[in-house]
């Protein structure tokens, strides 16, 4: 089990040092900012939709390694999904981190965050990108 935990920690470090889908989109369909004033984490999220599908997603972050890694893995995870699929994934991720109930299969990149639930102050760091995504998708969805 400790080797699995080490792998998860390595994945978080890798994504925090070399975040995927990092940057801004030139012409996003929708954008949002997220902020955790307690620890200073910030995210700017751009989403490009083609009808109901996430065609591209980019984010910039500043803050801790967990927040940056969560944004990177989130962006990879939702790329190509429909809005409704992405929102289901958001709810599943947030619920898993808040309750500590591992809801991810072993092949999921999201599984690397399961141990974060043991550190309540870090849960907010991991959830920030996901809450920002939920906000931007729901806002866009309601306006159309």
N, C-alpha and C. Protein backbone atom coordinates (compact mmCIF):
# COMPACT_ATOMS: atom_id res chain seq x y z
N UNK A 1 0.81 -1.20 0.00
CA UNK A 1 0.00 0.00 0.00
C UNK A 1 0.86 1.26 0.00
N UNK A 2 2.02 1.22 0.68
CA UNK A 2 2.86 2.42 0.73
C UNK A 2 3.42 2.75 -0.65
N UNK A 3 3.68 1.76 -1.49
CA UNK A 3 4.16 2.04 -2.84
C UNK A 3 3.08 2.72 -3.67
N UNK A 4 1.82 2.36 -3.45
CA UNK A 4 0.71 3.01 -4.14
C UNK A 4 0.59 4.47 -3.67
N UNK A 5 0.72 4.70 -2.39
CA UNK A 5 0.69 6.06 -1.85
C UNK A 5 1.83 6.89 -2.41
N UNK A 6 2.99 6.31 -2.53
CA UNK A 6 4.14 7.00 -3.11
C UNK A 6 3.87 7.36 -4.57
N UNK A 7 3.26 6.46 -5.31
CA UNK A 7 2.92 6.72 -6.70
C UNK A 7 1.95 7.90 -6.79
N UNK A 8 0.95 7.91 -5.91
CA UNK A 8 -0.01 9.02 -5.89
C UNK A 8 0.68 10.33 -5.59
N UNK A 9 1.59 10.32 -4.61
CA UNK A 9 2.32 11.54 -4.26
C UNK A 9 3.19 12.00 -5.42
N UNK A 10 3.83 11.07 -6.10
CA UNK A 10 4.66 11.41 -7.26
C UNK A 10 3.81 12.03 -8.36
N UNK A 11 2.62 11.51 -8.58
CA UNK A 11 1.72 12.04 -9.61
C UNK A 11 1.33 13.47 -9.28
N UNK A 12 1.01 13.74 -8.02
CA UNK A 12 0.65 15.10 -7.60
C UNK A 12 1.84 16.04 -7.80
N UNK A 13 3.02 15.62 -7.41
CA UNK A 13 4.21 16.45 -7.58
C UNK A 13 4.47 16.72 -9.07
N UNK A 14 4.36 15.68 -9.88
CA UNK A 14 4.59 15.83 -11.32
C UNK A 14 3.62 16.84 -11.94
N UNK A 15 2.33 16.72 -11.60
CA UNK A 15 1.33 17.64 -12.15
C UNK A 15 1.49 19.06 -11.60
N UNK A 16 1.98 19.19 -10.39
CA UNK A 16 2.17 20.54 -9.84
C UNK A 16 3.39 21.22 -10.45
N UNK A 17 4.40 20.45 -10.80
CA UNK A 17 5.61 21.02 -11.40
C UNK A 17 5.46 21.24 -12.90
N UNK A 18 4.67 20.40 -13.56
CA UNK A 18 4.45 20.51 -15.00
C UNK A 18 2.96 20.37 -15.30
N UNK A 19 2.18 21.40 -14.96
CA UNK A 19 0.73 21.29 -15.14
C UNK A 19 0.35 21.16 -16.62
N UNK A 20 -0.64 20.31 -16.85
CA UNK A 20 -1.17 20.10 -18.21
C UNK A 20 -2.26 21.13 -18.48
N UNK A 21 -2.44 21.44 -19.76
CA UNK A 21 -3.49 22.33 -20.21
C UNK A 21 -3.40 23.68 -19.49
N UNK A 22 -2.16 24.12 -19.28
CA UNK A 22 -1.88 25.35 -18.55
C UNK A 22 -1.93 26.53 -19.52
N UNK A 23 -2.48 27.63 -19.10
CA UNK A 23 -2.52 28.85 -19.90
C UNK A 23 -3.94 29.34 -20.08
N UNK A 24 -4.10 30.26 -21.00
CA UNK A 24 -5.40 30.85 -21.26
C UNK A 24 -5.81 30.56 -22.70
N UNK A 25 -7.11 30.49 -22.94
CA UNK A 25 -7.64 30.34 -24.29
C UNK A 25 -7.86 31.73 -24.89
N UNK A 26 -7.63 31.84 -26.18
CA UNK A 26 -7.80 33.12 -26.86
C UNK A 26 -9.27 33.54 -26.89
N UNK A 27 -10.17 32.60 -27.18
CA UNK A 27 -11.59 32.93 -27.28
C UNK A 27 -12.43 31.86 -26.58
N UNK A 28 -12.41 31.85 -25.25
CA UNK A 28 -13.19 30.83 -24.53
C UNK A 28 -14.69 31.10 -24.62
N UNK A 29 -15.46 30.05 -24.53
CA UNK A 29 -16.92 30.18 -24.45
C UNK A 29 -17.31 30.75 -23.10
N UNK A 30 -16.61 30.31 -22.06
CA UNK A 30 -16.89 30.78 -20.71
C UNK A 30 -15.62 30.71 -19.87
N UNK A 31 -15.57 31.57 -18.87
CA UNK A 31 -14.40 31.65 -17.99
C UNK A 31 -14.87 31.91 -16.57
N UNK A 32 -14.01 31.56 -15.62
CA UNK A 32 -14.30 31.82 -14.21
C UNK A 32 -13.00 31.90 -13.44
N UNK A 33 -13.09 32.58 -12.31
CA UNK A 33 -11.97 32.66 -11.39
C UNK A 33 -12.38 32.02 -10.08
N UNK A 34 -11.43 31.36 -9.45
CA UNK A 34 -11.65 30.79 -8.13
C UNK A 34 -10.55 31.27 -7.20
N UNK A 35 -10.91 31.39 -5.92
CA UNK A 35 -9.97 31.92 -4.95
C UNK A 35 -10.23 31.28 -3.60
N UNK A 36 -9.18 30.86 -2.95
CA UNK A 36 -9.27 30.37 -1.58
C UNK A 36 -8.46 31.35 -0.72
N UNK A 37 -9.13 32.34 -0.13
CA UNK A 37 -8.39 33.37 0.61
C UNK A 37 -7.67 32.83 1.85
N UNK A 38 -8.08 31.68 2.37
CA UNK A 38 -7.44 31.14 3.56
C UNK A 38 -6.01 30.70 3.30
N UNK A 39 -5.75 30.18 2.08
CA UNK A 39 -4.39 29.71 1.80
C UNK A 39 -3.75 30.42 0.60
N UNK A 40 -4.52 31.24 -0.10
CA UNK A 40 -3.96 32.00 -1.21
C UNK A 40 -4.02 31.32 -2.56
N UNK A 41 -4.66 30.16 -2.66
CA UNK A 41 -4.79 29.50 -3.96
C UNK A 41 -5.71 30.30 -4.87
N UNK A 42 -5.32 30.40 -6.14
CA UNK A 42 -6.13 31.10 -7.14
C UNK A 42 -6.10 30.30 -8.43
N UNK A 43 -7.21 30.37 -9.17
CA UNK A 43 -7.30 29.70 -10.47
C UNK A 43 -8.09 30.58 -11.42
N UNK A 44 -7.65 30.59 -12.67
CA UNK A 44 -8.42 31.18 -13.76
C UNK A 44 -8.66 30.05 -14.74
N UNK A 45 -9.91 29.84 -15.08
CA UNK A 45 -10.32 28.69 -15.89
C UNK A 45 -11.04 29.17 -17.14
N UNK A 46 -10.60 28.70 -18.29
CA UNK A 46 -11.24 28.99 -19.57
C UNK A 46 -11.73 27.69 -20.17
N UNK A 47 -12.97 27.70 -20.68
CA UNK A 47 -13.55 26.52 -21.31
C UNK A 47 -14.07 26.90 -22.69
N UNK A 48 -13.76 26.08 -23.66
CA UNK A 48 -14.29 26.24 -25.01
C UNK A 48 -15.25 25.09 -25.27
N UNK A 49 -16.50 25.45 -25.50
CA UNK A 49 -17.52 24.44 -25.75
C UNK A 49 -17.88 24.41 -27.23
N UNK A 50 -18.14 23.23 -27.73
CA UNK A 50 -18.70 23.05 -29.06
C UNK A 50 -20.03 22.37 -28.83
N UNK A 51 -21.08 23.18 -28.85
CA UNK A 51 -22.41 22.75 -28.45
C UNK A 51 -22.35 22.29 -27.01
N UNK A 52 -22.44 21.02 -26.73
CA UNK A 52 -22.50 20.52 -25.35
C UNK A 52 -21.20 19.82 -24.94
N UNK A 53 -20.18 19.90 -25.76
CA UNK A 53 -18.94 19.16 -25.49
C UNK A 53 -17.79 20.11 -25.18
N UNK A 54 -16.96 19.72 -24.23
CA UNK A 54 -15.80 20.51 -23.86
C UNK A 54 -14.71 20.26 -24.90
N UNK A 55 -14.54 21.23 -25.77
CA UNK A 55 -13.59 21.12 -26.87
C UNK A 55 -12.18 21.45 -26.41
N UNK A 56 -12.07 22.38 -25.46
CA UNK A 56 -10.76 22.72 -24.91
C UNK A 56 -10.96 23.31 -23.52
N UNK A 57 -9.95 23.19 -22.71
CA UNK A 57 -9.98 23.75 -21.35
C UNK A 57 -8.55 24.11 -20.99
N UNK A 58 -8.40 25.28 -20.41
CA UNK A 58 -7.09 25.77 -19.98
C UNK A 58 -7.25 26.43 -18.62
N UNK A 59 -6.19 26.36 -17.84
CA UNK A 59 -6.25 27.03 -16.55
C UNK A 59 -4.87 27.54 -16.15
N UNK A 60 -4.89 28.61 -15.39
CA UNK A 60 -3.69 29.12 -14.76
C UNK A 60 -3.95 29.09 -13.26
N UNK A 61 -2.94 28.77 -12.52
CA UNK A 61 -3.08 28.66 -11.07
C UNK A 61 -1.91 29.34 -10.38
N UNK A 62 -2.17 29.73 -9.17
CA UNK A 62 -1.09 30.12 -8.27
C UNK A 62 -1.50 29.60 -6.90
N UNK A 63 -0.55 29.09 -6.20
CA UNK A 63 -0.85 28.53 -4.89
C UNK A 63 -0.08 27.25 -4.66
N UNK A 64 -0.66 26.39 -3.87
CA UNK A 64 0.04 25.18 -3.43
C UNK A 64 0.06 24.10 -4.51
N UNK A 65 0.90 23.10 -4.26
CA UNK A 65 1.08 22.00 -5.20
C UNK A 65 -0.22 21.21 -5.39
N UNK A 66 -0.99 21.02 -4.35
CA UNK A 66 -2.22 20.22 -4.47
C UNK A 66 -3.23 20.94 -5.35
N UNK A 67 -3.38 22.23 -5.18
CA UNK A 67 -4.32 22.99 -6.00
C UNK A 67 -3.91 22.98 -7.47
N UNK A 68 -2.62 23.19 -7.73
CA UNK A 68 -2.13 23.18 -9.11
C UNK A 68 -2.29 21.80 -9.73
N UNK A 69 -1.95 20.76 -9.00
CA UNK A 69 -2.09 19.39 -9.52
C UNK A 69 -3.56 19.05 -9.75
N UNK A 70 -4.43 19.48 -8.85
CA UNK A 70 -5.86 19.21 -9.02
C UNK A 70 -6.40 19.88 -10.28
N UNK A 71 -5.96 21.11 -10.55
CA UNK A 71 -6.39 21.81 -11.76
C UNK A 71 -5.88 21.10 -13.01
N UNK A 72 -4.64 20.66 -12.98
CA UNK A 72 -4.04 19.97 -14.12
C UNK A 72 -4.75 18.66 -14.42
N UNK A 73 -4.96 17.88 -13.40
CA UNK A 73 -5.62 16.58 -13.58
C UNK A 73 -7.08 16.78 -13.96
N UNK A 74 -7.74 17.77 -13.37
CA UNK A 74 -9.12 18.07 -13.73
C UNK A 74 -9.24 18.43 -15.21
N UNK A 75 -8.35 19.30 -15.68
CA UNK A 75 -8.39 19.72 -17.09
C UNK A 75 -8.23 18.53 -18.03
N UNK A 76 -7.33 17.63 -17.70
CA UNK A 76 -7.17 16.42 -18.52
C UNK A 76 -8.40 15.53 -18.45
N UNK A 77 -8.96 15.41 -17.26
CA UNK A 77 -10.09 14.51 -17.03
C UNK A 77 -11.35 14.96 -17.77
N UNK A 78 -11.61 16.25 -17.84
CA UNK A 78 -12.88 16.72 -18.43
C UNK A 78 -12.77 17.01 -19.92
N UNK A 79 -11.54 17.09 -20.44
CA UNK A 79 -11.36 17.38 -21.87
C UNK A 79 -12.12 16.35 -22.71
N UNK A 80 -12.97 16.85 -23.59
CA UNK A 80 -13.73 15.98 -24.50
C UNK A 80 -15.05 15.48 -23.95
N UNK A 81 -15.31 15.71 -22.66
CA UNK A 81 -16.58 15.26 -22.08
C UNK A 81 -17.69 16.24 -22.41
N UNK A 82 -18.91 15.78 -22.28
CA UNK A 82 -20.04 16.69 -22.38
C UNK A 82 -20.13 17.47 -21.08
N UNK A 83 -20.89 18.55 -21.10
CA UNK A 83 -21.07 19.36 -19.90
C UNK A 83 -21.68 18.51 -18.79
N UNK A 84 -22.69 17.72 -19.11
CA UNK A 84 -23.34 16.91 -18.08
C UNK A 84 -22.38 15.84 -17.52
N UNK A 85 -21.56 15.24 -18.36
CA UNK A 85 -20.56 14.27 -17.88
C UNK A 85 -19.55 14.95 -16.96
N UNK A 86 -19.12 16.14 -17.34
CA UNK A 86 -18.16 16.88 -16.52
C UNK A 86 -18.77 17.23 -15.16
N UNK A 87 -20.02 17.66 -15.15
CA UNK A 87 -20.67 18.01 -13.89
C UNK A 87 -20.84 16.80 -12.98
N UNK A 88 -21.12 15.63 -13.54
CA UNK A 88 -21.19 14.41 -12.74
C UNK A 88 -19.83 14.11 -12.12
N UNK A 89 -18.77 14.26 -12.92
CA UNK A 89 -17.42 14.02 -12.42
C UNK A 89 -17.06 15.01 -11.31
N UNK A 90 -17.47 16.27 -11.47
CA UNK A 90 -17.24 17.28 -10.44
C UNK A 90 -17.87 16.85 -9.13
N UNK A 91 -19.14 16.48 -9.18
CA UNK A 91 -19.86 16.08 -7.96
C UNK A 91 -19.21 14.85 -7.31
N UNK A 92 -18.82 13.91 -8.12
CA UNK A 92 -18.20 12.69 -7.62
C UNK A 92 -16.87 13.01 -6.93
N UNK A 93 -16.08 13.88 -7.54
CA UNK A 93 -14.79 14.25 -6.98
C UNK A 93 -14.96 14.99 -5.65
N UNK A 94 -15.82 15.99 -5.63
CA UNK A 94 -16.03 16.77 -4.41
C UNK A 94 -16.56 15.89 -3.29
N UNK A 95 -17.51 15.04 -3.60
CA UNK A 95 -18.07 14.14 -2.58
C UNK A 95 -17.00 13.20 -2.03
N UNK A 96 -16.18 12.66 -2.91
CA UNK A 96 -15.13 11.73 -2.47
C UNK A 96 -14.14 12.41 -1.54
N UNK A 97 -13.77 13.63 -1.86
CA UNK A 97 -12.81 14.33 -1.00
C UNK A 97 -13.41 14.77 0.31
N UNK A 98 -14.67 15.16 0.29
CA UNK A 98 -15.30 15.61 1.53
C UNK A 98 -15.60 14.46 2.48
N UNK A 99 -15.95 13.29 1.93
CA UNK A 99 -16.35 12.17 2.78
C UNK A 99 -15.24 11.15 2.99
N UNK A 100 -14.22 11.17 2.12
CA UNK A 100 -13.18 10.16 2.20
C UNK A 100 -13.59 8.85 1.57
N UNK A 101 -14.75 8.83 0.93
CA UNK A 101 -15.26 7.63 0.28
C UNK A 101 -14.69 7.55 -1.14
N UNK A 102 -13.78 6.61 -1.35
CA UNK A 102 -13.10 6.44 -2.63
C UNK A 102 -14.10 5.93 -3.67
N UNK A 103 -14.47 6.80 -4.60
CA UNK A 103 -15.47 6.46 -5.61
C UNK A 103 -14.84 6.26 -7.00
N UNK A 104 -13.52 6.16 -7.05
CA UNK A 104 -12.86 6.09 -8.34
C UNK A 104 -12.29 4.70 -8.57
N UNK A 105 -12.37 4.24 -9.83
CA UNK A 105 -11.76 2.96 -10.13
C UNK A 105 -10.24 3.14 -10.18
N UNK A 106 -9.53 2.05 -10.13
CA UNK A 106 -8.07 2.09 -10.01
C UNK A 106 -7.38 2.75 -11.20
N UNK A 107 -8.05 2.82 -12.34
CA UNK A 107 -7.43 3.42 -13.52
C UNK A 107 -7.65 4.94 -13.57
N UNK A 108 -8.44 5.49 -12.68
CA UNK A 108 -8.75 6.91 -12.70
C UNK A 108 -7.60 7.75 -12.16
N UNK A 109 -7.26 8.82 -12.87
CA UNK A 109 -6.27 9.76 -12.38
C UNK A 109 -6.75 10.49 -11.14
N UNK A 110 -8.05 10.52 -10.92
CA UNK A 110 -8.61 11.22 -9.77
C UNK A 110 -8.31 10.49 -8.46
N UNK A 111 -8.00 9.23 -8.56
CA UNK A 111 -7.73 8.41 -7.38
C UNK A 111 -6.53 8.94 -6.57
N UNK A 112 -5.64 9.68 -7.22
CA UNK A 112 -4.46 10.17 -6.52
C UNK A 112 -4.81 11.14 -5.40
N UNK A 113 -6.03 11.67 -5.41
CA UNK A 113 -6.43 12.64 -4.39
C UNK A 113 -7.17 12.02 -3.21
N UNK A 114 -7.39 10.73 -3.23
CA UNK A 114 -8.18 10.10 -2.17
C UNK A 114 -7.60 10.31 -0.78
N UNK A 115 -6.29 10.31 -0.64
CA UNK A 115 -5.69 10.51 0.68
C UNK A 115 -5.76 11.95 1.17
N UNK A 116 -6.04 12.88 0.26
CA UNK A 116 -6.17 14.28 0.65
C UNK A 116 -7.32 14.45 1.64
N UNK A 117 -8.33 13.60 1.55
CA UNK A 117 -9.48 13.72 2.46
C UNK A 117 -9.08 13.57 3.93
N UNK A 118 -7.93 13.00 4.18
CA UNK A 118 -7.45 12.84 5.56
C UNK A 118 -6.89 14.15 6.13
N UNK A 119 -6.75 15.15 5.28
CA UNK A 119 -6.18 16.44 5.69
C UNK A 119 -7.19 17.54 5.34
N UNK A 120 -8.13 17.82 6.24
CA UNK A 120 -9.22 18.75 5.94
C UNK A 120 -8.78 20.11 5.41
N UNK A 121 -7.66 20.61 5.87
CA UNK A 121 -7.21 21.92 5.36
C UNK A 121 -6.76 21.83 3.91
N UNK A 122 -6.38 20.65 3.46
CA UNK A 122 -5.92 20.48 2.07
C UNK A 122 -7.07 20.14 1.12
N UNK A 123 -8.18 19.69 1.67
CA UNK A 123 -9.34 19.35 0.83
C UNK A 123 -9.78 20.58 0.03
N UNK A 124 -9.81 21.74 0.69
CA UNK A 124 -10.22 22.97 0.00
C UNK A 124 -9.28 23.30 -1.16
N UNK A 125 -8.01 22.98 -1.00
CA UNK A 125 -7.03 23.23 -2.07
C UNK A 125 -7.34 22.36 -3.29
N UNK A 126 -7.64 21.10 -3.05
CA UNK A 126 -7.92 20.16 -4.15
C UNK A 126 -9.26 20.43 -4.80
N UNK A 127 -10.22 20.91 -4.03
CA UNK A 127 -11.57 21.12 -4.55
C UNK A 127 -11.72 22.43 -5.31
N UNK A 128 -10.88 23.43 -5.02
CA UNK A 128 -11.02 24.75 -5.65
C UNK A 128 -11.16 24.70 -7.17
N UNK A 129 -10.29 24.02 -7.91
CA UNK A 129 -10.47 23.98 -9.37
C UNK A 129 -11.81 23.36 -9.79
N UNK A 130 -12.23 22.35 -9.05
CA UNK A 130 -13.48 21.66 -9.38
C UNK A 130 -14.69 22.53 -9.09
N UNK A 131 -14.66 23.29 -8.01
CA UNK A 131 -15.76 24.21 -7.71
C UNK A 131 -15.82 25.32 -8.75
N UNK A 132 -14.65 25.76 -9.21
CA UNK A 132 -14.59 26.79 -10.24
C UNK A 132 -15.16 26.25 -11.55
N UNK A 133 -14.83 25.03 -11.89
CA UNK A 133 -15.39 24.41 -13.09
C UNK A 133 -16.90 24.29 -12.98
N UNK A 134 -17.38 23.84 -11.85
CA UNK A 134 -18.83 23.71 -11.64
C UNK A 134 -19.51 25.06 -11.83
N UNK A 135 -18.92 26.10 -11.24
CA UNK A 135 -19.49 27.44 -11.34
C UNK A 135 -19.57 27.90 -12.80
N UNK A 136 -18.49 27.72 -13.55
CA UNK A 136 -18.48 28.20 -14.93
C UNK A 136 -19.43 27.40 -15.82
N UNK A 137 -19.49 26.09 -15.63
CA UNK A 137 -20.38 25.27 -16.47
C UNK A 137 -21.84 25.52 -16.14
N UNK A 138 -22.17 25.60 -14.85
CA UNK A 138 -23.56 25.85 -14.48
C UNK A 138 -24.02 27.24 -14.91
N UNK A 139 -23.15 28.23 -14.78
CA UNK A 139 -23.48 29.58 -15.20
C UNK A 139 -23.74 29.62 -16.70
N UNK A 140 -22.87 29.00 -17.47
CA UNK A 140 -23.04 28.97 -18.93
C UNK A 140 -24.31 28.20 -19.30
N UNK A 141 -24.53 27.07 -18.64
CA UNK A 141 -25.67 26.21 -18.92
C UNK A 141 -26.98 26.95 -18.68
N UNK A 142 -27.05 27.70 -17.57
CA UNK A 142 -28.27 28.43 -17.22
C UNK A 142 -28.53 29.61 -18.16
N UNK A 143 -27.47 30.19 -18.71
CA UNK A 143 -27.65 31.36 -19.58
C UNK A 143 -28.03 30.97 -21.00
N UNK A 144 -27.95 29.69 -21.31
CA UNK A 144 -28.30 29.25 -22.69
C UNK A 144 -29.58 28.47 -22.73
